[in-house]
Amino acid sequence: MLTILLTALFALLIVLAARVFLHHGITLPPTGSTAIDDRDAQRIDLELRAITGMREHG
C-alpha cells in the first residue's frame, strides 16, 4: 500500500513539474550560436585579418 502511494505521489510530482516547466516557458540554454558568440567570433576574425595583413605587407 505504501509503495502504491509513493508511486502515485512521485507521478504527481513529475506531472506538476512538467506543467510548471511548460507554463512558465522555462527553457534550457540554446545549444546553437548566441549573439555573444557571434560578436566574439567577429572580433577574433578582425584580429586575425589584421595580423595576416601585417605579415603580408610587413
Protein backbone atom coordinates (compact mmCIF):
# COMPACT_ATOMS: atom_id res chain seq x y z
CA MET A 1 0.00 0.00 0.00
CA LEU A 2 2.80 2.41 0.88
CA THR A 3 4.57 1.62 -2.40
CA ILE A 4 1.45 2.48 -4.40
CA LEU A 5 1.02 5.75 -2.51
CA LEU A 6 4.66 6.75 -3.01
CA THR A 7 4.47 5.85 -6.70
CA ALA A 8 1.34 7.97 -7.13
CA LEU A 9 2.93 10.91 -5.32
CA PHE A 10 6.06 10.63 -7.45
CA ALA A 11 3.97 10.57 -10.64
CA LEU A 12 2.05 13.63 -9.43
CA LEU A 13 5.31 15.43 -8.72
CA ILE A 14 6.56 14.69 -12.25
CA VAL A 15 3.31 15.93 -13.81
CA LEU A 16 3.34 19.13 -11.74
CA ALA A 17 7.00 19.80 -12.56
CA ALA A 18 6.29 19.37 -16.28
CA ARG A 19 3.28 21.67 -16.03
CA VAL A 20 5.30 24.42 -14.32
CA PHE A 21 8.13 23.93 -16.81
CA LEU A 22 5.79 24.37 -19.78
CA HIS A 23 3.52 27.03 -18.27
CA HIS A 24 6.30 29.43 -17.32
CA GLY A 25 8.26 28.92 -20.51
CA ILE A 26 11.35 27.77 -18.68
CA THR A 27 13.77 26.64 -21.34
CA LEU A 28 17.25 25.28 -21.45
CA PRO A 29 20.05 27.48 -22.78
CA PRO A 30 20.33 27.39 -26.57
CA THR A 31 22.82 24.93 -27.95
CA GLY A 32 23.50 26.97 -31.05
CA SER A 33 25.24 30.26 -31.59
CA THR A 34 24.38 33.25 -29.43
CA ALA A 35 24.87 36.96 -30.02
CA ILE A 36 27.85 36.96 -27.65
CA ASP A 37 29.46 34.05 -29.50
CA ASP A 38 28.87 35.81 -32.83
CA ARG A 39 30.37 39.06 -31.52
CA ASP A 40 33.43 37.25 -30.16
CA ALA A 41 33.87 35.38 -33.44
CA GLN A 42 33.72 38.65 -35.39
CA ARG A 43 36.28 40.27 -33.07
CA ILE A 44 38.66 37.31 -33.41
CA ASP A 45 38.19 37.32 -37.18
CA LEU A 46 39.10 41.02 -37.36
CA GLU A 47 42.18 40.48 -35.19
CA LEU A 48 43.35 37.58 -37.34
CA ARG A 49 42.83 39.60 -40.52
CA ALA A 50 44.89 42.43 -39.03
CA ILE A 51 47.69 40.03 -38.09
CA THR A 52 47.76 38.36 -41.51
CA GLY A 53 47.59 41.78 -43.18
CA MET A 54 50.65 42.96 -41.24
CA ARG A 55 52.53 39.80 -42.18
CA GLU A 56 51.72 40.18 -45.88
CA HIS A 57 52.68 43.85 -46.04
CA GLY A 58 55.40 43.84 -43.40
